Amino acid sequence: MWIDDLNDLVLLPRGRQYEALQTLRQKTQAADHEQWNTTFDSTSLYQAWTRLPLAQGVYEVNRPVIRRAIAGREDWRIVEIGGGNGALWQEFFADAPPGTLTLIDPNQNAHTAVAGRLPEHVELHSIIEPAETADIPGCDVLVCSLTLHHVAGRDTQERAAFGLDGVGKLEILQRCLAAIRDRAGVAVLNEADCYHEIDLAPGDPALIDSFIDAYVRRTARAVADTMARSGDGDESSHPWQLILRHWCLDEVDYAFADRADRDVYELDVASWLALLARAGARDVNHIYSDEWNLFVQYVFG
């Protein structure tokens, strides 16, 4: 079983785990699979991802915060940056008064998927742009879930130091804060607790170890543990197996990609808290949303 192989791997000294990971990958044949954040229909791997406890935990901690933020507000306004397949909103608005959800996402498929989750009394405004360039309207609650780690660099200065133009995480956070303060609202940020930022060079041993920690020791083992507990039989035919193999184990290859192609530029909790303070966030609270201490929810005003 996957969980047995992964548990054996993490018992090795950390300096030997990358080699063991390569051996484990060679034992399983690569298969055709969708790329992360591209397809959101009912048969997609992303749909299977949202059924995992790791993802469900994010929704479970976010929903009460959002409900409190819009409680008692007529014509409430929510902004979501990065919609995925809209699983957060499934049946969420059944008892809510009419309001507006603005979705900021460059992928048209995400807008279609989110629209399919909304009842008639919730109006969807679509902004088909990345967070780096989109105008963020004033809102009662802003949700930015597992999205900002795709933005390289803490700020424009750090990006420029590595030959990249455009804004970094700081400038996006500052615009998020301006949006919620228009209506005395609240922001919810979800990100993984690991460090893959642009300042670590490709192939840096610390970067390799951090990728293994996030995607193998925690994410892959969480998926494998869920499969083992599910009792669904043959793991090789389960969509979670494809997630484990290609969205977890193969993700470690990004530790060797050029900085501009890394795709994930994660920050650990201490770094996020420092960045939120720089942005001017107030009353910041943070909690883990899963038992693997992978994803962290930050709530602030």
C-alpha atoms as a PDB file:
ATOM      1  CA  MET A   1       0.000   0.000   0.000  1.00  0.00           C
ATOM      2  CA  TRP A   2       1.096   3.559  -0.665  1.00  0.00           C
ATOM      3  CA  ILE A   3       0.975   4.501   2.997  1.00  0.00           C
ATOM      4  CA  ASP A   4       3.419   1.725   3.909  1.00  0.00           C
ATOM      5  CA  ASP A   5       5.941   2.785   1.247  1.00  0.00           C
ATOM      6  CA  LEU A   6       5.682   6.438   2.257  1.00  0.00           C
ATOM      7  CA  ASN A   7       6.003   5.703   5.955  1.00  0.00           C
ATOM      8  CA  ASP A   8       9.154   3.684   5.222  1.00  0.00           C
ATOM      9  CA  LEU A   9      10.524   6.618   3.216  1.00  0.00           C
ATOM     10  CA  VAL A  10      10.009   9.216   5.954  1.00  0.00           C
ATOM     11  CA  LEU A  11      11.747   6.993   8.522  1.00  0.00           C
ATOM     12  CA  LEU A  12      14.978   7.339   6.546  1.00  0.00           C
ATOM     13  CA  PRO A  13      17.420  10.129   7.377  1.00  0.00           C
ATOM     14  CA  ARG A  14      16.194  13.226   5.576  1.00  0.00           C
ATOM     15  CA  GLY A  15      19.357  13.396   3.454  1.00  0.00           C
ATOM     16  CA  ARG A  16      18.482  10.020   1.908  1.00  0.00           C
ATOM     17  CA  GLN A  17      14.821  10.648   1.244  1.00  0.00           C
ATOM     18  CA  TYR A  18      15.169  12.239  -2.197  1.00  0.00           C
ATOM     19  CA  GLU A  19      16.946   9.156  -3.541  1.00  0.00           C
ATOM     20  CA  ALA A  20      14.278   6.930  -1.994  1.00  0.00           C
ATOM     21  CA  LEU A  21      11.595   9.108  -3.566  1.00  0.00           C
ATOM     22  CA  GLN A  22      13.082   8.556  -7.022  1.00  0.00           C
ATOM     23  CA  THR A  23      13.037   4.791  -6.455  1.00  0.00           C
ATOM     24  CA  LEU A  24       9.417   4.949  -5.329  1.00  0.00           C
ATOM     25  CA  ARG A  25       8.410   6.936  -8.396  1.00  0.00           C
ATOM     26  CA  GLN A  26      10.094   4.383 -10.670  1.00  0.00           C
ATOM     27  CA  LYS A  27       7.947   1.620  -9.153  1.00  0.00           C
ATOM     28  CA  THR A  28       4.769   3.239 -10.503  1.00  0.00           C
ATOM     29  CA  GLN A  29       4.236   3.932 -14.173  1.00  0.00           C
ATOM     30  CA  ALA A  30       3.439   7.514 -15.128  1.00  0.00           C
ATOM     31  CA  ALA A  31      -0.095   7.987 -16.439  1.00  0.00           C
ATOM     32  CA  ASP A  32      -1.965  10.627 -18.406  1.00  0.00           C
ATOM     33  CA  HIS A  33      -3.434  13.182 -16.029  1.00  0.00           C
ATOM     34  CA  GLU A  34      -4.806  16.700 -16.048  1.00  0.00           C
ATOM     35  CA  GLN A  35      -2.667  19.589 -14.951  1.00  0.00           C
ATOM     36  CA  TRP A  36      -3.416  21.265 -11.631  1.00  0.00           C
ATOM     37  CA  ASN A  37      -5.997  24.082 -11.766  1.00  0.00           C
ATOM     38  CA  THR A  38      -7.154  23.475 -15.339  1.00  0.00           C
ATOM     39  CA  THR A  39     -10.264  21.266 -15.290  1.00  0.00           C
ATOM     40  CA  PHE A  40     -13.103  21.446 -12.769  1.00  0.00           C
ATOM     41  CA  ASP A  41     -15.930  19.201 -13.998  1.00  0.00           C
ATOM     42  CA  SER A  42     -17.399  16.271 -12.073  1.00  0.00           C
ATOM     43  CA  THR A  43     -14.914  13.760 -13.527  1.00  0.00           C
ATOM     44  CA  SER A  44     -11.770  15.811 -12.987  1.00  0.00           C
ATOM     45  CA  LEU A  45      -8.922  15.081 -10.607  1.00  0.00           C
ATOM     46  CA  TYR A  46      -9.626  18.465  -9.045  1.00  0.00           C
ATOM     47  CA  GLN A  47     -13.099  17.209  -8.111  1.00  0.00           C
ATOM     48  CA  ALA A  48     -11.467  14.180  -6.475  1.00  0.00           C
ATOM     49  CA  TRP A  49      -9.045  16.513  -4.677  1.00  0.00           C
ATOM     50  CA  THR A  50     -11.914  18.491  -3.138  1.00  0.00           C
ATOM     51  CA  ARG A  51     -13.300  15.292  -1.587  1.00  0.00           C
ATOM     52  CA  LEU A  52     -10.098  14.675   0.365  1.00  0.00           C
ATOM     53  CA  PRO A  53     -10.062  15.613   4.070  1.00  0.00           C
ATOM     54  CA  LEU A  54      -7.172  18.014   3.382  1.00  0.00           C
ATOM     55  CA  ALA A  55      -9.385  20.113   1.103  1.00  0.00           C
ATOM     56  CA  GLN A  56     -12.547  19.619   3.140  1.00  0.00           C
ATOM     57  CA  GLY A  57     -10.728  20.996   6.179  1.00  0.00           C
ATOM     58  CA  VAL A  58     -10.082  24.269   4.338  1.00  0.00           C
ATOM     59  CA  TYR A  59     -13.780  24.641   3.514  1.00  0.00           C
ATOM     60  CA  GLU A  60     -14.845  23.714   7.028  1.00  0.00           C
ATOM     61  CA  VAL A  61     -12.778  26.422   8.701  1.00  0.00           C
ATOM     62  CA  ASN A  62     -13.636  29.056   6.073  1.00  0.00           C
ATOM     63  CA  ARG A  63     -17.410  28.707   6.022  1.00  0.00           C
ATOM     64  CA  PRO A  64     -18.112  29.867   9.612  1.00  0.00           C
ATOM     65  CA  VAL A  65     -15.892  32.938   9.141  1.00  0.00           C
ATOM     66  CA  ILE A  66     -17.717  33.866   5.941  1.00  0.00           C
ATOM     67  CA  ARG A  67     -21.143  33.306   7.508  1.00  0.00           C
ATOM     68  CA  ARG A  68     -20.297  35.597  10.414  1.00  0.00           C
ATOM     69  CA  ALA A  69     -18.962  38.257   8.037  1.00  0.00           C
ATOM     70  CA  ILE A  70     -22.183  38.477   5.996  1.00  0.00           C
ATOM     71  CA  ALA A  71     -24.639  37.860   8.850  1.00  0.00           C
ATOM     72  CA  GLY A  72     -27.158  40.664   9.097  1.00  0.00           C
ATOM     73  CA  ARG A  73     -25.852  42.425   5.991  1.00  0.00           C
ATOM     74  CA  GLU A  74     -28.331  43.098   3.239  1.00  0.00           C
ATOM     75  CA  ASP A  75     -26.942  42.945  -0.275  1.00  0.00           C
ATOM     76  CA  TRP A  76     -23.716  41.428   1.033  1.00  0.00           C
ATOM     77  CA  ARG A  77     -20.639  41.278  -1.170  1.00  0.00           C
ATOM     78  CA  ILE A  78     -18.026  38.523  -1.280  1.00  0.00           C
ATOM     79  CA  VAL A  79     -14.877  38.486  -3.387  1.00  0.00           C
ATOM     80  CA  GLU A  80     -13.130  35.185  -4.050  1.00  0.00           C
ATOM     81  CA  ILE A  81      -9.652  35.099  -5.581  1.00  0.00           C
ATOM     82  CA  GLY A  82      -9.142  31.659  -7.149  1.00  0.00           C
ATOM     83  CA  GLY A  83     -12.404  29.741  -7.467  1.00  0.00           C
ATOM     84  CA  GLY A  84     -11.348  26.171  -8.225  1.00  0.00           C
ATOM     85  CA  ASN A  85     -14.458  24.070  -8.746  1.00  0.00           C
ATOM     86  CA  GLY A  86     -16.589  26.109  -6.343  1.00  0.00           C
ATOM     87  CA  ALA A  87     -16.743  23.366  -3.706  1.00  0.00           C
ATOM     88  CA  LEU A  88     -16.576  25.992  -0.943  1.00  0.00           C
ATOM     89  CA  TRP A  89     -19.967  27.317  -2.027  1.00  0.00           C
ATOM     90  CA  GLN A  90     -21.875  24.046  -2.393  1.00  0.00           C
ATOM     91  CA  GLU A  91     -25.221  24.685  -0.599  1.00  0.00           C
ATOM     92  CA  PHE A  92     -23.536  27.508   1.333  1.00  0.00           C
ATOM     93  CA  PHE A  93     -26.030  30.191   0.295  1.00  0.00           C
ATOM     94  CA  ALA A  94     -29.234  28.183   0.747  1.00  0.00           C
ATOM     95  CA  ASP A  95     -30.380  30.284   3.722  1.00  0.00           C
ATOM     96  CA  ALA A  96     -28.547  33.512   2.883  1.00  0.00           C
ATOM     97  CA  PRO A  97     -30.280  36.688   1.690  1.00  0.00           C
ATOM     98  CA  PRO A  98     -29.535  37.954  -1.836  1.00  0.00           C
ATOM     99  CA  GLY A  99     -25.998  39.140  -2.466  1.00  0.00           C
ATOM    100  CA  THR A 100     -23.089  39.261  -4.895  1.00  0.00           C
ATOM    101  CA  LEU A 101     -20.094  36.971  -5.321  1.00  0.00           C
ATOM    102  CA  THR A 102     -17.259  38.385  -7.410  1.00  0.00           C
ATOM    103  CA  LEU A 103     -14.828  35.765  -8.667  1.00  0.00           C
ATOM    104  CA  ILE A 104     -11.317  36.752  -9.751  1.00  0.00           C
ATOM    105  CA  ASP A 105      -9.687  33.919 -11.677  1.00  0.00           C
ATOM    106  CA  PRO A 106      -7.884  33.775 -15.050  1.00  0.00           C
ATOM    107  CA  ASN A 107      -9.446  30.397 -15.902  1.00  0.00           C
ATOM    108  CA  GLN A 108     -12.890  30.550 -17.534  1.00  0.00           C
ATOM    109  CA  ASN A 109     -13.527  26.962 -16.398  1.00  0.00           C
ATOM    110  CA  ALA A 110     -13.425  28.104 -12.769  1.00  0.00           C
ATOM    111  CA  HIS A 111     -16.106  30.726 -13.393  1.00  0.00           C
ATOM    112  CA  THR A 112     -18.329  28.128 -15.037  1.00  0.00           C
ATOM    113  CA  ALA A 113     -17.835  25.704 -12.150  1.00  0.00           C
ATOM    114  CA  VAL A 114     -18.543  28.314  -9.472  1.00  0.00           C
ATOM    115  CA  ALA A 115     -21.645  29.531 -11.314  1.00  0.00           C
ATOM    116  CA  GLY A 116     -22.995  25.995 -11.182  1.00  0.00           C
ATOM    117  CA  ARG A 117     -22.816  26.004  -7.370  1.00  0.00           C
ATOM    118  CA  LEU A 118     -24.770  29.240  -6.837  1.00  0.00           C
ATOM    119  CA  PRO A 119     -28.525  29.625  -6.289  1.00  0.00           C
ATOM    120  CA  GLU A 120     -30.512  32.181  -8.269  1.00  0.00           C
ATOM    121  CA  HIS A 121     -30.498  34.811  -5.527  1.00  0.00           C
ATOM    122  CA  VAL A 122     -26.686  35.059  -5.614  1.00  0.00           C
ATOM    123  CA  GLU A 123     -25.359  37.189  -8.452  1.00  0.00           C
ATOM    124  CA  LEU A 124     -21.984  36.201  -9.890  1.00  0.00           C
ATOM    125  CA  HIS A 125     -19.607  38.855 -11.191  1.00  0.00           C
ATOM    126  CA  SER A 126     -16.744  37.337 -13.189  1.00  0.00           C
ATOM    127  CA  ILE A 127     -13.345  38.987 -13.470  1.00  0.00           C
ATOM    128  CA  ILE A 128     -11.314  36.745 -15.751  1.00  0.00           C
ATOM    129  CA  GLU A 129      -7.871  37.977 -14.759  1.00  0.00           C
ATOM    130  CA  PRO A 130      -5.073  36.949 -12.401  1.00  0.00           C
ATOM    131  CA  ALA A 131      -4.955  38.529  -8.961  1.00  0.00           C
ATOM    132  CA  GLU A 132      -1.800  40.428  -9.942  1.00  0.00           C
ATOM    133  CA  THR A 133      -3.672  42.685 -12.392  1.00  0.00           C
ATOM    134  CA  ALA A 134      -7.336  42.558 -11.382  1.00  0.00           C
ATOM    135  CA  ASP A 135      -9.165  45.414  -9.695  1.00  0.00           C
ATOM    136  CA  ILE A 136     -10.605  44.150  -6.404  1.00  0.00           C
ATOM    137  CA  PRO A 137     -14.018  45.653  -5.567  1.00  0.00           C
ATOM    138  CA  GLY A 138     -15.084  46.590  -2.046  1.00  0.00           C
ATOM    139  CA  CYS A 139     -16.514  43.651  -0.111  1.00  0.00           C
ATOM    140  CA  ASP A 140     -17.690  42.348   3.250  1.00  0.00           C
ATOM    141  CA  VAL A 141     -15.459  39.288   3.023  1.00  0.00           C
ATOM    142  CA  LEU A 142     -12.567  38.392   0.746  1.00  0.00           C
ATOM    143  CA  VAL A 143     -11.468  34.773   0.332  1.00  0.00           C
ATOM    144  CA  CYS A 144      -8.080  33.977  -1.190  1.00  0.00           C
ATOM    145  CA  SER A 145      -7.573  30.236  -0.943  1.00  0.00           C
ATOM    146  CA  LEU A 146      -4.425  28.406  -2.095  1.00  0.00           C
ATOM    147  CA  THR A 147      -3.760  31.028  -4.756  1.00  0.00           C
ATOM    148  CA  LEU A 148      -1.063  33.520  -3.738  1.00  0.00           C
ATOM    149  CA  HIS A 149       1.613  30.825  -3.593  1.00  0.00           C
ATOM    150  CA  HIS A 150       1.601  30.965  -7.409  1.00  0.00           C
ATOM    151  CA  VAL A 151       2.884  34.560  -7.217  1.00  0.00           C
ATOM    152  CA  ALA A 152       6.694  34.651  -7.062  1.00  0.00           C
ATOM    153  CA  GLY A 153       8.300  36.976  -4.561  1.00  0.00           C
ATOM    154  CA  ARG A 154       7.161  38.811  -1.477  1.00  0.00           C
ATOM    155  CA  ASP A 155       7.072  42.163  -3.278  1.00  0.00           C
ATOM    156  CA  THR A 156       8.049  43.966  -6.478  1.00  0.00           C
ATOM    157  CA  GLN A 157      11.564  44.597  -5.178  1.00  0.00           C
ATOM    158  CA  GLU A 158      12.244  40.905  -4.564  1.00  0.00           C
ATOM    159  CA  ARG A 159      10.836  40.008  -7.960  1.00  0.00           C
ATOM    160  CA  ALA A 160      13.016  42.609  -9.670  1.00  0.00           C
ATOM    161  CA  ALA A 161      16.093  41.209  -7.929  1.00  0.00           C
ATOM    162  CA  PHE A 162      15.517  37.958  -9.812  1.00  0.00           C
ATOM    163  CA  GLY A 163      14.595  39.500 -13.161  1.00  0.00           C
ATOM    164  CA  LEU A 164      10.811  39.439 -12.828  1.00  0.00           C
ATOM    165  CA  ASP A 165       8.495  42.406 -13.319  1.00  0.00           C
ATOM    166  CA  GLY A 166       5.037  42.947 -11.841  1.00  0.00           C
ATOM    167  CA  VAL A 167       3.740  42.831  -8.301  1.00  0.00           C
ATOM    168  CA  GLY A 168       4.434  40.341  -5.535  1.00  0.00           C
ATOM    169  CA  LYS A 169       2.349  38.973  -2.700  1.00  0.00           C
ATOM    170  CA  LEU A 170       2.643  42.146  -0.605  1.00  0.00           C
ATOM    171  CA  GLU A 171       1.036  44.422  -3.172  1.00  0.00           C
ATOM    172  CA  ILE A 172      -1.854  41.984  -3.709  1.00  0.00           C
ATOM    173  CA  LEU A 173      -2.430  41.768   0.053  1.00  0.00           C
ATOM    174  CA  GLN A 174      -2.482  45.558   0.276  1.00  0.00           C
ATOM    175  CA  ARG A 175      -5.191  45.725  -2.405  1.00  0.00           C
ATOM    176  CA  CYS A 176      -7.151  43.009  -0.583  1.00  0.00           C
ATOM    177  CA  LEU A 177      -7.018  45.066   2.613  1.00  0.00           C
ATOM    178  CA  ALA A 178      -8.203  48.180   0.781  1.00  0.00           C
ATOM    179  CA  ALA A 179     -11.160  46.190  -0.593  1.00  0.00           C
ATOM    180  CA  ILE A 180     -12.392  44.899   2.778  1.00  0.00           C
ATOM    181  CA  ARG A 181     -11.873  48.221   4.539  1.00  0.00           C
ATOM    182  CA  ASP A 182     -14.306  49.867   2.130  1.00  0.00           C
ATOM    183  CA  ARG A 183     -17.046  47.989   4.006  1.00  0.00           C
ATOM    184  CA  ALA A 184     -15.366  47.142   7.346  1.00  0.00           C
ATOM    185  CA  GLY A 185     -14.998  43.549   6.182  1.00  0.00           C
ATOM    186  CA  VAL A 186     -12.725  40.607   6.838  1.00  0.00           C
ATOM    187  CA  ALA A 187     -10.208  38.658   4.738  1.00  0.00           C
ATOM    188  CA  VAL A 188      -9.534  34.920   4.744  1.00  0.00           C
ATOM    189  CA  LEU A 189      -6.259  33.580   3.361  1.00  0.00           C
ATOM    190  CA  ASN A 190      -5.408  29.874   3.082  1.00  0.00           C
ATOM    191  CA  GLU A 191      -1.880  28.710   2.287  1.00  0.00           C
ATOM    192  CA  ALA A 192       0.428  25.787   3.008  1.00  0.00           C
ATOM    193  CA  ASP A 193       2.983  26.040   5.798  1.00  0.00           C
ATOM    194  CA  CYS A 194       6.247  25.483   3.876  1.00  0.00           C
ATOM    195  CA  TYR A 195       8.969  27.573   2.251  1.00  0.00           C
ATOM    196  CA  HIS A 196       9.541  27.568  -1.522  1.00  0.00           C
ATOM    197  CA  GLU A 197      10.072  31.277  -2.143  1.00  0.00           C
ATOM    198  CA  ILE A 198      12.047  32.706  -5.018  1.00  0.00           C
ATOM    199  CA  ASP A 199      15.121  33.509  -2.920  1.00  0.00           C
ATOM    200  CA  LEU A 200      15.986  29.784  -2.699  1.00  0.00           C
ATOM    201  CA  ALA A 201      17.910  28.781  -5.815  1.00  0.00           C
ATOM    202  CA  PRO A 202      16.946  25.795  -7.991  1.00  0.00           C
ATOM    203  CA  GLY A 203      18.463  22.635  -6.548  1.00  0.00           C
ATOM    204  CA  ASP A 204      19.232  24.206  -3.167  1.00  0.00           C
ATOM    205  CA  PRO A 205      19.229  21.307  -0.665  1.00  0.00           C
ATOM    206  CA  ALA A 206      16.959  23.330   1.637  1.00  0.00           C
ATOM    207  CA  LEU A 207      14.475  23.811  -1.206  1.00  0.00           C
ATOM    208  CA  ILE A 208      14.529  20.105  -2.122  1.00  0.00           C
ATOM    209  CA  ASP A 209      13.945  19.145   1.492  1.00  0.00           C
ATOM    210  CA  SER A 210      11.102  21.644   1.818  1.00  0.00           C
ATOM    211  CA  PHE A 211       9.387  20.247  -1.291  1.00  0.00           C
ATOM    212  CA  ILE A 212       9.735  16.718   0.088  1.00  0.00           C
ATOM    213  CA  ASP A 213       8.343  17.843   3.414  1.00  0.00           C
ATOM    214  CA  ALA A 214       5.292  19.538   1.901  1.00  0.00           C
ATOM    215  CA  TYR A 215       4.461  17.138  -0.916  1.00  0.00           C
ATOM    216  CA  VAL A 216       5.691  13.779   0.398  1.00  0.00           C
ATOM    217  CA  ARG A 217       5.914  13.737   4.195  1.00  0.00           C
ATOM    218  CA  ARG A 218       2.627  15.581   4.584  1.00  0.00           C
ATOM    219  CA  THR A 219       0.454  15.807   1.427  1.00  0.00           C
ATOM    220  CA  ALA A 220       1.222  12.407  -0.124  1.00  0.00           C
ATOM    221  CA  ARG A 221       0.966  10.615   3.216  1.00  0.00           C
ATOM    222  CA  ALA A 222      -2.324  12.373   3.968  1.00  0.00           C
ATOM    223  CA  VAL A 223      -3.727  11.205   0.614  1.00  0.00           C
ATOM    224  CA  ALA A 224      -2.348   7.676   1.094  1.00  0.00           C
ATOM    225  CA  ASP A 225      -3.775   7.503   4.597  1.00  0.00           C
ATOM    226  CA  THR A 226      -7.194   8.538   3.287  1.00  0.00           C
ATOM    227  CA  MET A 227      -7.025   5.871   0.568  1.00  0.00           C
ATOM    228  CA  ALA A 228      -6.054   3.194   3.087  1.00  0.00           C
ATOM    229  CA  ARG A 229      -8.942   4.145   5.348  1.00  0.00           C
ATOM    230  CA  SER A 230     -11.498   4.356   2.532  1.00  0.00           C
ATOM    231  CA  GLY A 231     -11.656   0.593   1.934  1.00  0.00           C
ATOM    232  CA  ASP A 232     -12.178   1.150  -1.802  1.00  0.00           C
ATOM    233  CA  GLY A 233      -9.996  -1.798  -2.782  1.00  0.00           C
ATOM    234  CA  ASP A 234      -7.458  -1.494  -5.582  1.00  0.00           C
ATOM    235  CA  GLU A 235      -5.546   1.752  -5.017  1.00  0.00           C
ATOM    236  CA  SER A 236      -4.130   1.716  -8.545  1.00  0.00           C
ATOM    237  CA  SER A 237      -7.574   2.472 -10.024  1.00  0.00           C
ATOM    238  CA  HIS A 238      -8.482   5.258  -7.600  1.00  0.00           C
ATOM    239  CA  PRO A 239      -8.261   8.901  -8.779  1.00  0.00           C
ATOM    240  CA  TRP A 240      -6.588   9.764  -5.472  1.00  0.00           C
ATOM    241  CA  GLN A 241      -3.698   7.555  -6.593  1.00  0.00           C
ATOM    242  CA  LEU A 242      -3.151   9.846  -9.586  1.00  0.00           C
ATOM    243  CA  ILE A 243      -3.226  12.860  -7.266  1.00  0.00           C
ATOM    244  CA  LEU A 244      -0.683  11.218  -4.982  1.00  0.00           C
ATOM    245  CA  ARG A 245       1.628  10.184  -7.813  1.00  0.00           C
ATOM    246  CA  HIS A 246       1.463  13.259 -10.060  1.00  0.00           C
ATOM    247  CA  TRP A 247       0.280  16.151  -7.893  1.00  0.00           C
ATOM    248  CA  CYS A 248       2.424  15.143  -4.895  1.00  0.00           C
ATOM    249  CA  LEU A 249       5.487  13.026  -5.705  1.00  0.00           C
ATOM    250  CA  ASP A 250       6.132  14.580  -9.112  1.00  0.00           C
ATOM    251  CA  GLU A 251       5.756  18.071  -7.645  1.00  0.00           C
ATOM    252  CA  VAL A 252       9.219  17.730  -6.094  1.00  0.00           C
ATOM    253  CA  ASP A 253      10.648  18.243  -9.592  1.00  0.00           C
ATOM    254  CA  TYR A 254       9.796  21.951  -9.207  1.00  0.00           C
ATOM    255  CA  ALA A 255      12.678  22.203  -6.742  1.00  0.00           C
ATOM    256  CA  PHE A 256      14.977  22.014  -9.774  1.00  0.00           C
ATOM    257  CA  ALA A 257      13.007  24.264 -12.133  1.00  0.00           C
ATOM    258  CA  ASP A 258      14.206  27.725 -13.090  1.00  0.00           C
ATOM    259  CA  ARG A 259      12.923  30.358 -10.690  1.00  0.00           C
ATOM    260  CA  ALA A 260      10.413  31.766 -13.182  1.00  0.00           C
ATOM    261  CA  ASP A 261       9.034  28.267 -13.871  1.00  0.00           C
ATOM    262  CA  ARG A 262       8.798  27.019 -10.278  1.00  0.00           C
ATOM    263  CA  ASP A 263       5.010  27.672 -10.116  1.00  0.00           C
ATOM    264  CA  VAL A 264       4.856  27.401  -6.309  1.00  0.00           C
ATOM    265  CA  TYR A 265       6.431  30.065  -4.103  1.00  0.00           C
ATOM    266  CA  GLU A 266       5.176  29.085  -0.669  1.00  0.00           C
ATOM    267  CA  LEU A 267       5.856  30.847   2.613  1.00  0.00           C
ATOM    268  CA  ASP A 268       5.875  29.278   6.056  1.00  0.00           C
ATOM    269  CA  VAL A 269       3.704  30.621   8.866  1.00  0.00           C
ATOM    270  CA  ALA A 270       6.326  32.981  10.291  1.00  0.00           C
ATOM    271  CA  SER A 271       6.942  34.476   6.840  1.00  0.00           C
ATOM    272  CA  TRP A 272       3.217  34.952   6.134  1.00  0.00           C
ATOM    273  CA  LEU A 273       2.704  36.642   9.499  1.00  0.00           C
ATOM    274  CA  ALA A 274       5.610  39.014   8.806  1.00  0.00           C
ATOM    275  CA  LEU A 275       4.246  39.778   5.329  1.00  0.00           C
ATOM    276  CA  LEU A 276       0.728  40.420   6.636  1.00  0.00           C
ATOM    277  CA  ALA A 277       2.172  42.821   9.207  1.00  0.00           C
ATOM    278  CA  ARG A 278       4.039  44.666   6.422  1.00  0.00           C
ATOM    279  CA  ALA A 279       0.805  44.899   4.428  1.00  0.00           C
ATOM    280  CA  GLY A 280      -0.957  46.524   7.385  1.00  0.00           C
ATOM    281  CA  ALA A 281      -3.243  43.632   8.360  1.00  0.00           C
ATOM    282  CA  ARG A 282      -4.883  43.939  11.780  1.00  0.00           C
ATOM    283  CA  ASP A 283      -6.186  41.357  14.256  1.00  0.00           C
ATOM    284  CA  VAL A 284      -4.504  38.451  12.476  1.00  0.00           C
ATOM    285  CA  ASN A 285      -5.519  34.976  13.660  1.00  0.00           C
ATOM    286  CA  HIS A 286      -4.184  31.735  12.210  1.00  0.00           C
ATOM    287  CA  ILE A 287      -5.042  28.054  12.640  1.00  0.00           C
ATOM    288  CA  TYR A 288      -4.180  24.786  10.898  1.00  0.00           C
ATOM    289  CA  SER A 289      -7.138  23.317   9.033  1.00  0.00           C
ATOM    290  CA  ASP A 290      -5.957  19.675   8.932  1.00  0.00           C
ATOM    291  CA  GLU A 291      -4.311  17.161  11.239  1.00  0.00           C
ATOM    292  CA  TRP A 292      -1.188  17.051   9.047  1.00  0.00           C
ATOM    293  CA  ASN A 293      -0.506  20.725   9.806  1.00  0.00           C
ATOM    294  CA  LEU A 294      -0.256  21.449   6.096  1.00  0.00           C
ATOM    295  CA  PHE A 295      -2.778  24.202   5.356  1.00  0.00           C
ATOM    296  CA  VAL A 296      -3.137  27.321   7.465  1.00  0.00           C
ATOM    297  CA  GLN A 297      -6.068  29.735   7.609  1.00  0.00           C
ATOM    298  CA  TYR A 298      -5.259  33.407   8.278  1.00  0.00           C
ATOM    299  CA  VAL A 299      -8.148  35.722   9.184  1.00  0.00           C
ATOM    300  CA  PHE A 300      -7.529  39.459   9.386  1.00  0.00           C
ATOM    301  CA  GLY A 301      -9.026  42.892   8.912  1.00  0.00           C
END
